[in-house]
Each structure stands twice: as structure tokens, then as C-alpha cells.
């Protein structure tokens, strides 16, 4: 394994700090909204939003998988080295 360079260590530290700040922010928002009631329409919106987000995410992942398997990605990549055919 290669050793981490200075730039990579700085990047990991910055990402760790962002993760900690995001966790603290999430806890603060969660506690601030403790007394809020969600009505019937709120639950419907939450359910539909979750369903369509999963549908779009799964659909895009399936398209990416099938595109990779069919070879379309290799044709569009001009920088990929092409192996000479075996004789």
C-alpha cells in the first residue's frame, strides 16, 4: 500500500470535520423539531417523496449497470487504452 501524502491527509481531515459538523447540525435540528406534529398530508408527501426518490435512484443505477455491460461506455471513452486483438 502507498503511504498517504500531505494533500490526502488534509482532505481526510477536512472531510472528517465536515462529517462532525453535519452530525452536530442534524442533532440540533432533530431536537429543535421535537414538538412538531406531522399531519396526514405530511405523511403522504413523505411517503411519496421517499418512493419516487428510491424509484429514480434504482432506475439510474439500473441504466448505469446495463450501459456498462453493453459496452456503450467503452465506445464513448476516448482516453481508454484499447487492447490490440490477440492473433
Protein backbone atom coordinates (compact mmCIF):
# COMPACT_ATOMS: atom_id res chain seq x y z
CA UNK A 1 0.00 0.00 0.00
CA UNK A 2 1.09 3.52 -0.68
CA UNK A 3 1.53 5.99 2.13
CA UNK A 4 -0.86 8.92 2.33
CA UNK A 5 0.50 12.21 1.06
CA UNK A 6 0.07 15.58 2.75
CA UNK A 7 -2.76 16.60 0.42
CA UNK A 8 -4.64 13.38 1.09
CA UNK A 9 -4.29 13.79 4.85
CA UNK A 10 -5.57 17.38 4.63
CA UNK A 11 -8.51 16.20 2.52
CA UNK A 12 -9.38 13.46 5.02
CA UNK A 13 -9.21 15.91 7.94
CA UNK A 14 -11.46 18.41 6.15
CA UNK A 15 -13.96 15.67 5.28
CA UNK A 16 -13.95 14.40 8.88
CA UNK A 17 -14.61 17.94 10.16
CA UNK A 18 -17.50 18.32 7.68
CA UNK A 19 -18.92 14.98 8.86
CA UNK A 20 -18.75 16.06 12.50
CA UNK A 21 -20.38 19.44 11.76
CA UNK A 22 -23.12 17.72 9.78
CA UNK A 23 -23.81 15.32 12.65
CA UNK A 24 -23.98 18.17 15.17
CA UNK A 25 -26.29 20.13 12.87
CA UNK A 26 -28.55 17.09 12.40
CA UNK A 27 -28.85 16.57 16.17
CA UNK A 28 -29.65 20.26 16.72
CA UNK A 29 -32.36 20.27 14.04
CA UNK A 30 -33.80 16.97 15.32
CA UNK A 31 -34.05 18.36 18.86
CA UNK A 32 -35.47 21.70 17.66
CA UNK A 33 -38.34 19.97 15.86
CA UNK A 34 -39.25 17.63 18.72
CA UNK A 35 -42.72 19.10 19.32
CA UNK A 36 -43.84 19.32 15.68
CA UNK A 37 -46.77 17.13 14.65
CA UNK A 38 -46.96 15.70 11.12
CA UNK A 39 -50.45 15.64 9.64
CA UNK A 40 -51.98 13.20 7.17
CA UNK A 41 -50.83 15.21 4.15
CA UNK A 42 -47.31 15.41 5.55
CA UNK A 43 -47.09 11.63 5.85
CA UNK A 44 -48.43 11.22 2.31
CA UNK A 45 -45.84 13.70 0.99
CA UNK A 46 -43.07 11.96 2.93
CA UNK A 47 -44.09 8.55 1.60
CA UNK A 48 -44.42 9.70 -1.99
CA UNK A 49 -41.11 11.57 -1.84
CA UNK A 50 -39.34 8.51 -0.46
CA UNK A 51 -40.94 6.20 -3.03
CA UNK A 52 -40.09 8.36 -6.04
CA UNK A 53 -36.55 9.04 -4.78
CA UNK A 54 -35.94 5.29 -4.50
CA UNK A 55 -37.56 4.69 -7.89
CA UNK A 56 -35.37 7.27 -9.63
CA UNK A 57 -32.23 6.09 -7.80
CA UNK A 58 -32.83 2.42 -8.67
CA UNK A 59 -33.67 3.32 -12.26
CA UNK A 60 -30.49 5.33 -12.73
CA UNK A 61 -28.39 2.57 -11.18
CA UNK A 62 -30.00 0.00 -13.49
CA UNK A 63 -29.31 2.22 -16.52
CA UNK A 64 -25.70 2.62 -15.44
CA UNK A 65 -25.32 -1.13 -14.96
CA UNK A 66 -26.83 -2.03 -18.32
CA UNK A 67 -24.86 0.70 -20.09
CA UNK A 68 -21.64 -0.64 -18.61
CA UNK A 69 -22.48 -4.23 -19.56
CA UNK A 70 -23.46 -3.37 -23.14
CA UNK A 71 -20.18 -1.64 -23.96
CA UNK A 72 -21.58 1.83 -24.62
CA UNK A 73 -19.25 3.32 -22.02
CA UNK A 74 -16.16 1.90 -23.68
CA UNK A 75 -17.13 3.45 -27.02
CA UNK A 76 -17.53 6.92 -25.50
CA UNK A 77 -14.21 6.87 -23.62
CA UNK A 78 -11.57 8.23 -26.00
CA UNK A 79 -8.82 8.06 -23.36
CA UNK A 80 -9.18 4.39 -22.50
CA UNK A 81 -6.39 2.28 -23.92
CA UNK A 82 -7.59 -0.21 -26.41
CA UNK A 83 -6.00 -3.63 -26.22
CA UNK A 84 -4.83 -4.98 -29.57
CA UNK A 85 -6.71 -8.09 -30.68
CA UNK A 86 -4.97 -11.35 -29.94
CA UNK A 87 -3.69 -13.20 -33.01
